[in-house]
Protein backbone atom coordinates (compact mmCIF):
# COMPACT_ATOMS: atom_id res chain seq x y z
CA GLN A 1 0.00 0.00 0.00
CA LEU A 2 2.82 2.41 -0.80
CA GLU A 3 1.73 5.75 -2.21
CA THR A 4 3.61 8.70 -3.69
CA LEU A 5 2.71 11.77 -1.63
CA GLU A 6 4.98 14.23 -3.41
CA GLN A 7 7.68 14.08 -6.05
CA GLU A 8 9.77 16.82 -7.62
CA GLU A 9 11.88 16.48 -10.74
CA GLN A 10 14.31 19.10 -12.00
CA GLU A 11 16.23 19.17 -15.27
CA ARG A 12 18.64 21.89 -16.35
CA LEU A 13 20.33 22.19 -19.72
CA GLU A 14 22.94 24.88 -20.34
CA LEU A 15 23.67 25.80 -23.92
CA GLY A 16 26.01 28.76 -23.73
CA ALA A 17 24.15 31.76 -22.37
CA HIS A 18 20.71 30.18 -22.88
CA PRO A 19 19.94 27.78 -19.99
CA VAL A 20 16.68 25.85 -20.00
CA GLU A 21 15.23 24.62 -16.72
CA LYS A 22 12.26 22.26 -16.41
CA ARG A 23 10.58 21.37 -13.14
CA THR A 24 7.74 18.98 -12.45
CA LEU A 25 6.01 18.76 -9.10
CA LEU A 26 3.55 15.96 -8.32
CA VAL A 27 1.46 16.44 -5.20
CA SER A 28 -1.06 13.91 -3.94
CA HIS A 29 -4.28 15.19 -2.38
CA GLN A 30 -7.61 13.80 -1.22
CA HIS A 31 -9.14 13.63 -4.70
CA GLY A 32 -6.07 12.55 -6.70
CA MET A 33 -2.89 14.27 -7.80
CA THR A 34 -1.92 17.68 -9.15
CA VAL A 35 0.93 18.04 -11.63
CA THR A 36 2.62 21.44 -11.92
CA LYS A 37 5.11 22.00 -14.74
CA THR A 38 7.48 24.97 -14.88
CA LEU A 39 9.66 25.88 -17.85
CA GLN A 40 12.20 28.69 -17.81
CA GLU A 41 14.25 29.54 -20.88
CA GLY A 42 17.12 31.96 -20.35
CA GLN A 43 16.08 35.15 -18.58
CA ALA A 44 12.44 34.94 -19.73
CA GLU A 45 9.62 34.75 -17.21
CA PRO A 46 8.96 31.14 -16.17
CA ARG A 47 5.91 29.51 -17.78
CA ARG A 48 3.77 27.41 -15.42
CA TRP A 49 0.81 25.17 -15.98
CA SER A 50 -1.06 22.73 -13.78
CA PHE A 51 -3.49 19.91 -14.25
CA SER A 52 -5.01 17.26 -12.02
CA TYR A 53 -5.90 13.59 -12.19
CA GLY A 54 -8.57 11.83 -10.16
CA ARG A 55 -7.85 8.86 -7.90
CA ASP A 56 -9.54 6.44 -10.34
CA GLU A 57 -7.18 7.48 -13.17
CA LEU A 58 -4.12 6.98 -10.94
CA GLN A 59 -4.85 3.47 -9.67
CA GLY A 60 -1.46 1.71 -9.57
CA LEU A 61 0.48 4.79 -10.75
CA MET A 62 4.25 4.31 -10.91
CA PRO A 63 5.90 7.76 -10.95
CA GLU A 64 9.57 8.05 -11.91
CA GLY A 65 10.92 7.95 -8.35
CA ALA A 66 8.97 4.78 -7.54
CA SER A 67 9.97 3.26 -10.88
CA LEU A 68 13.66 3.70 -10.07
CA LEU A 69 13.15 1.98 -6.73
CA LEU A 70 11.26 -0.90 -8.38
CA LEU A 71 14.01 -1.33 -10.99
CA ARG A 72 16.60 -1.64 -8.22
CA VAL A 73 14.52 -4.26 -6.41
CA LEU A 74 14.01 -6.24 -9.64
CA ALA A 75 17.75 -6.04 -10.40
CA CYS A 76 18.61 -7.38 -6.93
CA ARG A 77 16.21 -10.28 -7.43
CA TRP A 78 17.43 -10.93 -10.97
CA ALA A 79 13.83 -11.44 -12.06
CA VAL A 80 11.04 -9.48 -13.73
CA PRO A 81 7.56 -10.98 -13.50
CA PRO A 82 6.01 -11.45 -16.97
CA GLY A 83 3.47 -8.84 -18.02
CA LEU A 84 4.57 -6.25 -15.46
CA VAL A 85 2.80 -3.06 -16.64
CA PHE A 86 1.99 0.09 -14.68
CA PRO A 87 0.37 3.43 -15.47
CA THR A 88 2.96 6.19 -15.40
CA MET A 89 3.46 9.75 -16.67
CA ASP A 90 5.44 10.83 -19.70
CA THR A 91 7.77 13.83 -19.76
CA GLU A 92 4.81 16.17 -20.30
CA GLY A 93 2.92 14.77 -17.30
CA GLN A 94 0.35 12.90 -19.40
CA LEU A 95 -0.75 9.40 -18.36
CA CYS A 96 0.71 6.49 -20.31
CA THR A 97 1.85 2.94 -19.53
CA SER A 98 5.26 1.50 -18.74
CA SER A 99 6.14 -2.15 -19.12
CA TYR A 100 9.14 -3.85 -17.54
């Protein structure tokens, strides 16, 4: 019954004088989860957008942090159960599936 309560991802790419920074914040709440994306390019004002998913949509969700932990456990056991598929989020925060 493990559940992701909050997860933050940050990515920064520096190309000369034009850095690009992306942040994603996942926050669990009573009705589901809110995803907030922030994109800052160079000195421009950061762009932010948010969207939410309901609990029903997130049943069995495997966010990136939990996926890394699962991969380590599977590697230690040297076994991956057949047909291991979880709902996850892509780089834009949209729901998709991930199979192991």
